[in-house]
Amino acid sequence: MPEHSNPELPPLPYDYDALEPSISEQVVTWHHDTHHQGYVNGLESAEETLAENREAGEFGGSAAAIRNVTHNGSGHYLHTLFWENMDPNGGGEPSGDLADRIEEDFGSYEGWKGEFKAAAGAAGGWALLVYDPVADQLRNLVVDKHDQGALWGSHPILALDVWEHSYYYDYGPDRGEFIDGFFEVVDWDNVAEQYEKATQQ
């Protein structure tokens, strides 16, 4: 049976209180250590179930485990990107090649941001800025849960988690204020790195 490395919760790239006041230390702690860890655990458990089923030649529970891989794996991967996309010294606007590409594909930074905020307001999970290699362009996506609304082959470069656990403790039902707070801590250097990697694949 092939050996696979177990998924692991990546450490935060900054202190738990570093994103205040946009996101409180309490929310970052819960969100990273409990919610994100839960997706890592769920992915590992589903992969173990699939491996055991293959070994036993019994596949009755495999379809459910495959769905759990998709849900928990997507949750794990998107949360990892979400943490990497933020920095206490973030904010402002993109520059360089990424800024040029946003202007080319959306008309302007303001055009992109307005559309992304609309996606974030409507999503039941995530708003994503992705690079679509088939069309060779950037797109905004509305993704429900972690895996409904994805575009096959696209590479997320900016992820905003709008599940209620992301903001309710800090902002109550005011998701819009949370979205504005997120833009205060976006690490555009990281997003540019994600874009560069995506376009080189």
N, C-alpha and C. Protein backbone atom coordinates (compact mmCIF):
# COMPACT_ATOMS: atom_id res chain seq x y z
N MET A 1 0.85 -1.19 0.00
CA MET A 1 0.00 0.00 0.00
C MET A 1 0.89 1.25 0.00
N PRO A 2 0.63 2.24 -0.86
CA PRO A 2 1.50 3.42 -0.92
C PRO A 2 1.44 4.22 0.38
N GLU A 3 2.57 4.82 0.72
CA GLU A 3 2.65 5.65 1.92
C GLU A 3 2.36 7.11 1.55
N HIS A 4 1.52 7.74 2.32
CA HIS A 4 1.23 9.16 2.12
C HIS A 4 1.51 9.89 3.42
N SER A 5 2.00 11.12 3.31
CA SER A 5 2.21 11.91 4.52
C SER A 5 0.87 12.37 5.06
N ASN A 6 0.75 12.39 6.37
CA ASN A 6 -0.49 12.84 6.99
C ASN A 6 -0.62 14.36 6.87
N PRO A 7 -1.83 14.85 6.65
CA PRO A 7 -2.01 16.31 6.61
C PRO A 7 -1.73 16.90 7.99
N GLU A 8 -1.18 18.10 8.01
CA GLU A 8 -0.84 18.76 9.27
C GLU A 8 -1.36 20.19 9.26
N LEU A 9 -1.70 20.67 10.45
CA LEU A 9 -2.11 22.06 10.61
C LEU A 9 -0.86 22.94 10.53
N PRO A 10 -0.77 23.82 9.55
CA PRO A 10 0.41 24.69 9.48
C PRO A 10 0.36 25.76 10.56
N PRO A 11 1.50 26.11 11.13
CA PRO A 11 1.49 27.19 12.12
C PRO A 11 1.13 28.51 11.46
N LEU A 12 0.56 29.41 12.25
CA LEU A 12 0.28 30.75 11.73
C LEU A 12 1.59 31.46 11.39
N PRO A 13 1.60 32.26 10.34
CA PRO A 13 2.82 33.00 10.00
C PRO A 13 3.00 34.29 10.81
N TYR A 14 2.20 34.47 11.86
CA TYR A 14 2.26 35.65 12.72
C TYR A 14 1.64 35.26 14.05
N ASP A 15 1.72 36.16 15.04
CA ASP A 15 1.15 35.88 16.36
C ASP A 15 -0.39 35.92 16.28
N TYR A 16 -1.03 35.27 17.25
CA TYR A 16 -2.48 35.17 17.25
C TYR A 16 -3.16 36.54 17.34
N ASP A 17 -2.50 37.51 17.97
CA ASP A 17 -3.12 38.83 18.13
C ASP A 17 -2.65 39.82 17.06
N ALA A 18 -1.88 39.35 16.08
CA ALA A 18 -1.24 40.26 15.14
C ALA A 18 -2.20 40.95 14.19
N LEU A 19 -3.37 40.37 13.96
CA LEU A 19 -4.31 40.93 12.99
C LEU A 19 -5.32 41.88 13.61
N GLU A 20 -5.21 42.11 14.93
CA GLU A 20 -6.12 43.06 15.59
C GLU A 20 -5.85 44.47 15.06
N PRO A 21 -6.87 45.32 14.93
CA PRO A 21 -8.26 45.09 15.33
C PRO A 21 -9.13 44.42 14.24
N SER A 22 -8.55 44.13 13.06
CA SER A 22 -9.37 43.55 11.99
C SER A 22 -9.96 42.21 12.39
N ILE A 23 -9.12 41.35 12.98
CA ILE A 23 -9.57 40.04 13.47
C ILE A 23 -8.95 39.84 14.84
N SER A 24 -9.78 39.56 15.83
CA SER A 24 -9.31 39.50 17.21
C SER A 24 -8.48 38.24 17.47
N GLU A 25 -7.66 38.33 18.52
CA GLU A 25 -6.86 37.17 18.95
C GLU A 25 -7.77 35.98 19.25
N GLN A 26 -8.92 36.21 19.86
CA GLN A 26 -9.82 35.12 20.21
C GLN A 26 -10.32 34.40 18.95
N VAL A 27 -10.73 35.17 17.95
CA VAL A 27 -11.24 34.56 16.72
C VAL A 27 -10.13 33.80 15.99
N VAL A 28 -8.94 34.39 15.89
CA VAL A 28 -7.84 33.70 15.23
C VAL A 28 -7.53 32.39 15.95
N THR A 29 -7.53 32.42 17.27
CA THR A 29 -7.24 31.21 18.05
C THR A 29 -8.28 30.13 17.78
N TRP A 30 -9.55 30.47 17.91
CA TRP A 30 -10.61 29.49 17.64
C TRP A 30 -10.55 29.00 16.20
N HIS A 31 -10.41 29.95 15.30
CA HIS A 31 -10.52 29.65 13.88
C HIS A 31 -9.37 28.73 13.43
N HIS A 32 -8.17 29.07 13.86
CA HIS A 32 -7.00 28.27 13.47
C HIS A 32 -6.91 26.96 14.25
N ASP A 33 -6.95 27.05 15.58
CA ASP A 33 -6.65 25.88 16.40
C ASP A 33 -7.80 24.88 16.49
N THR A 34 -9.03 25.35 16.31
CA THR A 34 -10.18 24.45 16.40
C THR A 34 -10.78 24.16 15.04
N HIS A 35 -11.21 25.21 14.32
CA HIS A 35 -11.89 24.98 13.04
C HIS A 35 -10.94 24.41 11.99
N HIS A 36 -9.82 25.06 11.78
CA HIS A 36 -8.89 24.57 10.76
C HIS A 36 -8.38 23.17 11.15
N GLN A 37 -8.06 22.99 12.42
CA GLN A 37 -7.62 21.67 12.86
C GLN A 37 -8.68 20.61 12.59
N GLY A 38 -9.93 20.97 12.71
CA GLY A 38 -11.01 20.03 12.44
C GLY A 38 -11.01 19.54 11.00
N TYR A 39 -10.69 20.43 10.06
CA TYR A 39 -10.63 20.01 8.66
C TYR A 39 -9.42 19.11 8.41
N VAL A 40 -8.31 19.41 9.06
CA VAL A 40 -7.13 18.56 8.95
C VAL A 40 -7.46 17.16 9.48
N ASN A 41 -8.10 17.12 10.65
CA ASN A 41 -8.48 15.82 11.23
C ASN A 41 -9.46 15.07 10.35
N GLY A 42 -10.44 15.79 9.79
CA GLY A 42 -11.43 15.16 8.93
C GLY A 42 -10.81 14.60 7.66
N LEU A 43 -9.85 15.33 7.09
CA LEU A 43 -9.16 14.85 5.90
C LEU A 43 -8.36 13.59 6.21
N GLU A 44 -7.64 13.60 7.32
CA GLU A 44 -6.84 12.44 7.70
C GLU A 44 -7.73 11.22 7.94
N SER A 45 -8.85 11.42 8.64
CA SER A 45 -9.76 10.32 8.93
C SER A 45 -10.35 9.74 7.65
N ALA A 46 -10.74 10.61 6.71
CA ALA A 46 -11.32 10.13 5.45
C ALA A 46 -10.30 9.35 4.64
N GLU A 47 -9.06 9.83 4.62
CA GLU A 47 -8.02 9.13 3.87
C GLU A 47 -7.73 7.77 4.50
N GLU A 48 -7.77 7.70 5.84
CA GLU A 48 -7.56 6.42 6.52
C GLU A 48 -8.68 5.44 6.17
N THR A 49 -9.92 5.93 6.14
CA THR A 49 -11.06 5.08 5.79
C THR A 49 -10.90 4.53 4.37
N LEU A 50 -10.51 5.38 3.44
CA LEU A 50 -10.33 4.92 2.06
C LEU A 50 -9.24 3.86 1.97
N ALA A 51 -8.13 4.09 2.68
CA ALA A 51 -7.03 3.12 2.65
C ALA A 51 -7.46 1.78 3.24
N GLU A 52 -8.21 1.83 4.35
CA GLU A 52 -8.70 0.59 4.98
C GLU A 52 -9.67 -0.14 4.06
N ASN A 53 -10.53 0.60 3.38
CA ASN A 53 -11.50 -0.01 2.47
C ASN A 53 -10.79 -0.68 1.29
N ARG A 54 -9.76 -0.02 0.78
CA ARG A 54 -9.01 -0.63 -0.33
C ARG A 54 -8.35 -1.93 0.13
N GLU A 55 -7.77 -1.86 1.31
CA GLU A 55 -7.07 -3.04 1.85
C GLU A 55 -8.05 -4.21 2.03
N ALA A 56 -9.24 -3.90 2.53
CA ALA A 56 -10.23 -4.94 2.82
C ALA A 56 -11.03 -5.35 1.58
N GLY A 57 -10.96 -4.52 0.54
CA GLY A 57 -11.78 -4.80 -0.64
C GLY A 57 -13.25 -4.56 -0.41
N GLU A 58 -13.56 -3.73 0.58
CA GLU A 58 -14.94 -3.39 0.92
C GLU A 58 -15.13 -1.88 0.70
N PHE A 59 -16.06 -1.52 -0.18
CA PHE A 59 -16.16 -0.13 -0.59
C PHE A 59 -17.50 0.53 -0.25
N GLY A 60 -18.23 -0.08 0.68
CA GLY A 60 -19.53 0.45 1.03
C GLY A 60 -19.49 1.88 1.57
N GLY A 61 -18.45 2.21 2.34
CA GLY A 61 -18.36 3.56 2.90
C GLY A 61 -17.44 4.49 2.13
N SER A 62 -16.98 4.04 0.96
CA SER A 62 -15.96 4.82 0.25
C SER A 62 -16.51 6.10 -0.36
N ALA A 63 -17.73 6.07 -0.88
CA ALA A 63 -18.27 7.29 -1.50
C ALA A 63 -18.38 8.42 -0.48
N ALA A 64 -18.85 8.11 0.72
CA ALA A 64 -18.95 9.13 1.77
C ALA A 64 -17.56 9.63 2.15
N ALA A 65 -16.59 8.73 2.23
CA ALA A 65 -15.22 9.14 2.58
C ALA A 65 -14.63 10.03 1.49
N ILE A 66 -14.92 9.72 0.23
CA ILE A 66 -14.43 10.56 -0.87
C ILE A 66 -15.02 11.97 -0.74
N ARG A 67 -16.32 12.06 -0.43
CA ARG A 67 -16.93 13.38 -0.22
C ARG A 67 -16.25 14.11 0.94
N ASN A 68 -15.89 13.37 1.99
CA ASN A 68 -15.21 13.98 3.13
C ASN A 68 -13.82 14.46 2.78
N VAL A 69 -13.14 13.74 1.89
CA VAL A 69 -11.84 14.22 1.41
C VAL A 69 -12.01 15.56 0.69
N THR A 70 -13.01 15.63 -0.17
CA THR A 70 -13.25 16.87 -0.93
C THR A 70 -13.57 18.03 0.02
N HIS A 71 -14.50 17.79 0.93
CA HIS A 71 -14.93 18.87 1.84
C HIS A 71 -13.80 19.29 2.78
N ASN A 72 -13.21 18.33 3.46
CA ASN A 72 -12.18 18.66 4.45
C ASN A 72 -10.87 19.08 3.80
N GLY A 73 -10.53 18.44 2.67
CA GLY A 73 -9.32 18.86 1.97
C GLY A 73 -9.43 20.28 1.47
N SER A 74 -10.57 20.62 0.88
CA SER A 74 -10.77 21.99 0.41
C SER A 74 -10.75 22.97 1.58
N GLY A 75 -11.38 22.59 2.69
CA GLY A 75 -11.35 23.45 3.88
C GLY A 75 -9.94 23.68 4.37
N HIS A 76 -9.15 22.61 4.41
CA HIS A 76 -7.75 22.71 4.85
C HIS A 76 -6.94 23.60 3.91
N TYR A 77 -7.04 23.35 2.61
CA TYR A 77 -6.22 24.09 1.65
C TYR A 77 -6.60 25.57 1.62
N LEU A 78 -7.91 25.86 1.65
CA LEU A 78 -8.34 27.25 1.59
C LEU A 78 -8.00 28.00 2.87
N HIS A 79 -8.13 27.34 4.02
CA HIS A 79 -7.74 28.00 5.26
C HIS A 79 -6.24 28.30 5.27
N THR A 80 -5.43 27.38 4.77
CA THR A 80 -3.99 27.61 4.72
C THR A 80 -3.69 28.85 3.88
N LEU A 81 -4.36 28.98 2.73
CA LEU A 81 -4.18 30.16 1.89
C LEU A 81 -4.68 31.42 2.59
N PHE A 82 -5.82 31.32 3.25
CA PHE A 82 -6.40 32.46 3.99
C PHE A 82 -5.40 33.03 4.98
N TRP A 83 -4.78 32.17 5.79
CA TRP A 83 -3.80 32.66 6.77
C TRP A 83 -2.60 33.29 6.07
N GLU A 84 -2.13 32.67 4.99
CA GLU A 84 -0.96 33.18 4.27
C GLU A 84 -1.25 34.51 3.59
N ASN A 85 -2.49 34.72 3.20
CA ASN A 85 -2.89 35.94 2.48
C ASN A 85 -2.95 37.18 3.36
N MET A 86 -2.78 37.01 4.68
CA MET A 86 -2.89 38.15 5.59
C MET A 86 -1.57 38.42 6.28
N ASP A 87 -1.41 39.67 6.70
CA ASP A 87 -0.21 40.09 7.41
C ASP A 87 -0.56 41.33 8.23
N PRO A 88 0.00 41.45 9.45
CA PRO A 88 -0.32 42.65 10.24
C PRO A 88 0.10 43.95 9.57
N ASN A 89 1.05 43.88 8.64
CA ASN A 89 1.47 45.09 7.91
C ASN A 89 0.85 45.15 6.52
N GLY A 90 -0.25 44.43 6.33
CA GLY A 90 -0.90 44.38 5.03
C GLY A 90 -1.76 45.60 4.77
N GLY A 91 -2.64 45.46 3.81
CA GLY A 91 -3.51 46.56 3.41
C GLY A 91 -3.01 47.21 2.14
N GLY A 92 -3.60 48.34 1.80
CA GLY A 92 -3.21 49.04 0.59
C GLY A 92 -3.76 48.35 -0.65
N GLU A 93 -3.01 48.46 -1.72
CA GLU A 93 -3.43 47.89 -3.00
C GLU A 93 -2.28 47.10 -3.61
N PRO A 94 -2.59 46.19 -4.54
CA PRO A 94 -1.52 45.45 -5.20
C PRO A 94 -0.68 46.35 -6.09
N SER A 95 0.50 45.86 -6.45
CA SER A 95 1.38 46.60 -7.35
C SER A 95 1.98 45.63 -8.35
N GLY A 96 2.77 46.15 -9.27
CA GLY A 96 3.50 45.30 -10.20
C GLY A 96 2.61 44.51 -11.14
N ASP A 97 3.07 43.30 -11.48
CA ASP A 97 2.37 42.47 -12.47
C ASP A 97 0.95 42.14 -12.05
N LEU A 98 0.75 41.89 -10.74
CA LEU A 98 -0.59 41.55 -10.27
C LEU A 98 -1.54 42.73 -10.46
N ALA A 99 -1.09 43.92 -10.12
CA ALA A 99 -1.94 45.11 -10.30
C ALA A 99 -2.29 45.30 -11.77
N ASP A 100 -1.29 45.09 -12.63
CA ASP A 100 -1.54 45.23 -14.07
C ASP A 100 -2.57 44.21 -14.55
N ARG A 101 -2.45 42.98 -14.04
CA ARG A 101 -3.36 41.93 -14.48
C ARG A 101 -4.79 42.17 -13.98
N ILE A 102 -4.91 42.66 -12.75
CA ILE A 102 -6.24 43.00 -12.22
C ILE A 102 -6.88 44.09 -13.08
N GLU A 103 -6.09 45.09 -13.44
CA GLU A 103 -6.63 46.17 -14.27
C GLU A 103 -7.03 45.63 -15.65
N GLU A 104 -6.21 44.73 -16.20
CA GLU A 104 -6.51 44.17 -17.51
C GLU A 104 -7.79 43.33 -17.49
N ASP A 105 -7.94 42.52 -16.44
CA ASP A 105 -9.06 41.56 -16.41
C ASP A 105 -10.34 42.13 -15.82
N PHE A 106 -10.23 43.16 -14.99
CA PHE A 106 -11.43 43.71 -14.33
C PHE A 106 -11.67 45.19 -14.66
N GLY A 107 -10.79 45.79 -15.43
CA GLY A 107 -10.97 47.19 -15.80
C GLY A 107 -10.27 48.15 -14.88
N SER A 108 -10.25 47.82 -13.58
CA SER A 108 -9.59 48.65 -12.57
C SER A 108 -9.54 47.87 -11.26
N TYR A 109 -8.71 48.34 -10.34
CA TYR A 109 -8.69 47.73 -9.01
C TYR A 109 -10.05 47.90 -8.34
N GLU A 110 -10.65 49.08 -8.49
CA GLU A 110 -11.95 49.33 -7.87
C GLU A 110 -13.02 48.41 -8.45
N GLY A 111 -12.94 48.13 -9.77
CA GLY A 111 -13.87 47.21 -10.39
C GLY A 111 -13.72 45.80 -9.84
N TRP A 112 -12.45 45.37 -9.67
CA TRP A 112 -12.22 44.05 -9.08
C TRP A 112 -12.74 44.00 -7.64
N LYS A 113 -12.38 45.03 -6.85
CA LYS A 113 -12.71 45.00 -5.42
C LYS A 113 -14.23 45.01 -5.22
N GLY A 114 -14.93 45.81 -5.99
CA GLY A 114 -16.39 45.84 -5.86
C GLY A 114 -17.00 44.48 -6.16
N GLU A 115 -16.50 43.81 -7.20
CA GLU A 115 -17.00 42.49 -7.56
C GLU A 115 -16.63 41.46 -6.50
N PHE A 116 -15.41 41.53 -5.97
CA PHE A 116 -14.98 40.58 -4.94
C PHE A 116 -15.81 40.74 -3.67
N LYS A 117 -16.08 41.99 -3.28
CA LYS A 117 -16.90 42.23 -2.10
C LYS A 117 -18.33 41.72 -2.31
N ALA A 118 -18.85 41.84 -3.54
CA ALA A 118 -20.17 41.28 -3.83
C ALA A 118 -20.15 39.77 -3.68
N ALA A 119 -19.08 39.13 -4.16
CA ALA A 119 -18.93 37.68 -4.02
C ALA A 119 -18.88 37.30 -2.54
N ALA A 120 -18.12 38.05 -1.76
CA ALA A 120 -17.99 37.76 -0.33
C ALA A 120 -19.32 37.95 0.40
N GLY A 121 -20.11 38.91 -0.04
CA GLY A 121 -21.39 39.14 0.59
C GLY A 121 -22.41 38.05 0.29
N ALA A 122 -22.23 37.37 -0.85
CA ALA A 122 -23.20 36.36 -1.28
C ALA A 122 -22.79 34.94 -0.91
N ALA A 123 -21.50 34.73 -0.63
CA ALA A 123 -20.99 33.38 -0.47
C ALA A 123 -21.47 32.73 0.82
N GLY A 124 -21.67 31.42 0.74
CA GLY A 124 -21.94 30.62 1.93
C GLY A 124 -20.69 29.88 2.34
N GLY A 125 -19.56 30.52 2.23
CA GLY A 125 -18.29 29.88 2.56
C GLY A 125 -17.10 30.78 2.26
N TRP A 126 -16.82 30.98 0.97
CA TRP A 126 -15.60 31.68 0.57
C TRP A 126 -15.84 32.59 -0.62
N ALA A 127 -15.09 33.69 -0.65
CA ALA A 127 -14.88 34.46 -1.87
C ALA A 127 -13.43 34.23 -2.27
N LEU A 128 -13.23 33.91 -3.54
CA LEU A 128 -11.89 33.60 -4.02
C LEU A 128 -11.56 34.45 -5.24
N LEU A 129 -10.31 34.91 -5.29
CA LEU A 129 -9.73 35.41 -6.52
C LEU A 129 -8.85 34.28 -7.05
N VAL A 130 -9.14 33.82 -8.26
CA VAL A 130 -8.41 32.68 -8.81
C VAL A 130 -7.80 33.06 -10.16
N TYR A 131 -6.75 32.33 -10.52
CA TYR A 131 -6.23 32.39 -11.87
C TYR A 131 -6.76 31.19 -12.64
N ASP A 132 -7.46 31.47 -13.74
CA ASP A 132 -8.05 30.45 -14.59
C ASP A 132 -7.11 30.23 -15.78
N PRO A 133 -6.34 29.12 -15.79
CA PRO A 133 -5.36 28.92 -16.87
C PRO A 133 -5.99 28.58 -18.21
N VAL A 134 -7.23 28.08 -18.21
CA VAL A 134 -7.88 27.76 -19.48
C VAL A 134 -8.20 29.04 -20.24
N ALA A 135 -8.80 30.00 -19.54
CA ALA A 135 -9.12 31.29 -20.16
C ALA A 135 -7.96 32.28 -20.05
N ASP A 136 -6.93 31.92 -19.27
CA ASP A 136 -5.78 32.80 -19.01
C ASP A 136 -6.24 34.15 -18.49
N GLN A 137 -7.00 34.09 -17.38
CA GLN A 137 -7.45 35.34 -16.76
C GLN A 137 -7.74 35.12 -15.29
N LEU A 138 -7.78 36.22 -14.57
CA LEU A 138 -8.21 36.21 -13.18
C LEU A 138 -9.73 36.24 -13.13
N ARG A 139 -10.29 35.54 -12.14
CA ARG A 139 -11.74 35.54 -11.93
C ARG A 139 -12.02 35.59 -10.43
N ASN A 140 -13.15 36.17 -10.07
CA ASN A 140 -13.69 36.05 -8.72
C ASN A 140 -14.69 34.89 -8.70
N LEU A 141 -14.67 34.13 -7.63
CA LEU A 141 -15.61 33.02 -7.48
C LEU A 141 -16.37 33.13 -6.17
N VAL A 142 -17.63 32.72 -6.19
CA VAL A 142 -18.44 32.54 -4.99
C VAL A 142 -18.44 31.04 -4.70
N VAL A 143 -17.86 30.64 -3.58
CA VAL A 143 -17.77 29.22 -3.23
C VAL A 143 -18.56 28.97 -1.96
N ASP A 144 -19.55 28.08 -2.05
CA ASP A 144 -20.33 27.69 -0.89
C ASP A 144 -19.68 26.47 -0.24
N LYS A 145 -19.86 26.40 1.09
CA LYS A 145 -19.14 25.41 1.89
C LYS A 145 -17.66 25.57 1.56
N HIS A 146 -16.95 24.52 1.17
CA HIS A 146 -15.56 24.69 0.75
C HIS A 146 -15.35 24.29 -0.70
N ASP A 147 -16.35 23.65 -1.29
CA ASP A 147 -16.08 22.97 -2.55
C ASP A 147 -17.22 23.08 -3.57
N GLN A 148 -18.18 23.96 -3.33
CA GLN A 148 -19.29 24.12 -4.26
C GLN A 148 -19.18 25.49 -4.94
N GLY A 149 -18.88 25.46 -6.21
CA GLY A 149 -18.68 26.70 -6.95
C GLY A 149 -17.26 26.85 -7.43
N ALA A 150 -16.42 25.83 -7.20
CA ALA A 150 -15.06 25.86 -7.71
C ALA A 150 -15.07 25.76 -9.22
N LEU A 151 -14.03 26.27 -9.86
CA LEU A 151 -13.86 26.18 -11.30
C LEU A 151 -12.69 25.25 -11.57
N TRP A 152 -12.96 24.14 -12.24
CA TRP A 152 -11.92 23.13 -12.46
C TRP A 152 -10.67 23.74 -13.07
N GLY A 153 -9.54 23.39 -12.50
CA GLY A 153 -8.25 23.81 -13.04
C GLY A 153 -7.78 25.17 -12.56
N SER A 154 -8.66 25.94 -11.92
CA SER A 154 -8.26 27.28 -11.49
C SER A 154 -7.44 27.21 -10.21
N HIS A 155 -6.62 28.23 -10.00
CA HIS A 155 -5.71 28.27 -8.84
C HIS A 155 -6.09 29.45 -7.95
N PRO A 156 -6.61 29.21 -6.75
CA PRO A 156 -6.91 30.32 -5.84
C PRO A 156 -5.63 31.07 -5.45
N ILE A 157 -5.69 32.40 -5.50
CA ILE A 157 -4.55 33.20 -5.08
C ILE A 157 -4.90 34.12 -3.91
N LEU A 158 -6.20 34.36 -3.70
CA LEU A 158 -6.67 35.15 -2.55
C LEU A 158 -7.95 34.51 -2.05
N ALA A 159 -7.97 34.20 -0.76
CA ALA A 159 -9.13 33.51 -0.17
C ALA A 159 -9.64 34.30 1.03
N LEU A 160 -10.93 34.57 1.04
CA LEU A 160 -11.59 35.22 2.18
C LEU A 160 -12.67 34.29 2.71
N ASP A 161 -12.49 33.87 3.94
CA ASP A 161 -13.45 32.98 4.62
C ASP A 161 -14.57 33.83 5.19
N VAL A 162 -15.79 33.60 4.71
CA VAL A 162 -16.94 34.35 5.23
C VAL A 162 -17.94 33.45 5.93
N TRP A 163 -17.50 32.24 6.38
CA TRP A 163 -18.31 31.47 7.31
C TRP A 163 -18.49 32.31 8.57
N GLU A 164 -19.60 32.11 9.26
CA GLU A 164 -19.88 32.96 10.43
C GLU A 164 -18.82 32.86 11.51
N HIS A 165 -18.14 31.71 11.61
CA HIS A 165 -17.11 31.60 12.66
C HIS A 165 -15.94 32.55 12.40
N SER A 166 -15.86 33.09 11.18
CA SER A 166 -14.77 34.01 10.85
C SER A 166 -14.97 35.40 11.45
N TYR A 167 -16.22 35.78 11.68
CA TYR A 167 -16.44 37.19 12.00
C TYR A 167 -17.50 37.45 13.07
N TYR A 168 -18.35 36.49 13.41
CA TYR A 168 -19.51 36.81 14.25
C TYR A 168 -19.11 37.30 15.64
N TYR A 169 -18.06 36.72 16.19
CA TYR A 169 -17.61 37.14 17.53
C TYR A 169 -17.15 38.60 17.51
N ASP A 170 -16.49 39.01 16.43
CA ASP A 170 -15.96 40.37 16.34
C ASP A 170 -16.99 41.38 15.82
N TYR A 171 -17.82 40.97 14.87
CA TYR A 171 -18.65 41.93 14.13
C TYR A 171 -20.14 41.66 14.23
N GLY A 172 -20.53 40.57 14.90
CA GLY A 172 -21.94 40.22 14.88
C GLY A 172 -22.37 39.91 13.45
N PRO A 173 -23.60 40.28 13.08
CA PRO A 173 -24.07 39.95 11.73
C PRO A 173 -23.52 40.85 10.64
N ASP A 174 -22.65 41.81 10.97
CA ASP A 174 -22.19 42.79 9.98
C ASP A 174 -21.02 42.23 9.17
N ARG A 175 -21.36 41.35 8.23
CA ARG A 175 -20.31 40.74 7.40
C ARG A 175 -19.55 41.81 6.60
N GLY A 176 -20.24 42.83 6.15
CA GLY A 176 -19.60 43.87 5.36
C GLY A 176 -18.46 44.55 6.10
N GLU A 177 -18.64 44.80 7.39
CA GLU A 177 -17.58 45.42 8.17
C GLU A 177 -16.37 44.49 8.29
N PHE A 178 -16.64 43.19 8.44
CA PHE A 178 -15.56 42.20 8.47
C PHE A 178 -14.81 42.19 7.14
N ILE A 179 -15.52 42.24 6.03
CA ILE A 179 -14.87 42.25 4.72
C ILE A 179 -13.97 43.47 4.59
N ASP A 180 -14.45 44.64 5.04
CA ASP A 180 -13.62 45.85 5.02
C ASP A 180 -12.39 45.66 5.91
N GLY A 181 -12.56 45.02 7.07
CA GLY A 181 -11.43 44.75 7.95
C GLY A 181 -10.41 43.84 7.32
N PHE A 182 -10.88 42.85 6.55
CA PHE A 182 -9.97 41.94 5.86
C PHE A 182 -9.05 42.71 4.92
N PHE A 183 -9.59 43.69 4.21
CA PHE A 183 -8.77 44.45 3.27
C PHE A 183 -7.69 45.27 3.97
N GLU A 184 -7.85 45.50 5.26
CA GLU A 184 -6.82 46.21 6.02
C GLU A 184 -5.60 45.34 6.31
N VAL A 185 -5.75 44.03 6.17
CA VAL A 185 -4.64 43.12 6.49
C VAL A 185 -4.24 42.21 5.33
N VAL A 186 -4.80 42.42 4.14
CA VAL A 186 -4.40 41.61 2.98
C VAL A 186 -2.91 41.84 2.70
N ASP A 187 -2.19 40.74 2.55
CA ASP A 187 -0.76 40.80 2.22
C ASP A 187 -0.63 40.67 0.70
N TRP A 188 -0.58 41.80 0.02
CA TRP A 188 -0.56 41.78 -1.44
C TRP A 188 0.72 41.17 -1.99
N ASP A 189 1.81 41.22 -1.22
CA ASP A 189 3.03 40.55 -1.66
C ASP A 189 2.80 39.05 -1.75
N ASN A 190 2.08 38.49 -0.76
CA ASN A 190 1.79 37.06 -0.79
C ASN A 190 0.86 36.72 -1.95
N VAL A 191 -0.16 37.55 -2.16
CA VAL A 191 -1.08 37.29 -3.26
C VAL A 191 -0.32 37.33 -4.59
N ALA A 192 0.62 38.27 -4.72
CA ALA A 192 1.43 38.34 -5.94
C ALA A 192 2.28 37.08 -6.11
N GLU A 193 2.81 36.55 -5.01
CA GLU A 193 3.57 35.30 -5.08
C GLU A 193 2.68 34.15 -5.52
N GLN A 194 1.46 34.10 -4.97
CA GLN A 194 0.52 33.05 -5.37
C GLN A 194 0.18 33.16 -6.85
N TYR A 195 0.01 34.39 -7.32
CA TYR A 195 -0.29 34.63 -8.74
C TYR A 195 0.86 34.16 -9.61
N GLU A 196 2.09 34.51 -9.22
CA GLU A 196 3.26 34.11 -10.00
C GLU A 196 3.37 32.59 -10.07
N LYS A 197 3.17 31.92 -8.95
CA LYS A 197 3.22 30.44 -8.95
C LYS A 197 2.13 29.86 -9.84
N ALA A 198 0.93 30.42 -9.75
CA ALA A 198 -0.20 29.89 -10.53
C ALA A 198 0.04 30.03 -12.03
N THR A 199 0.61 31.14 -12.45
CA THR A 199 0.81 31.37 -13.88
C THR A 199 2.00 30.59 -14.43
N GLN A 200 2.84 30.07 -13.55
CA GLN A 200 4.00 29.30 -14.02
C GLN A 200 3.72 27.80 -14.06
N GLN A 201 2.55 27.36 -13.62
CA GLN A 201 2.24 25.94 -13.60
C GLN A 201 1.81 25.44 -14.96
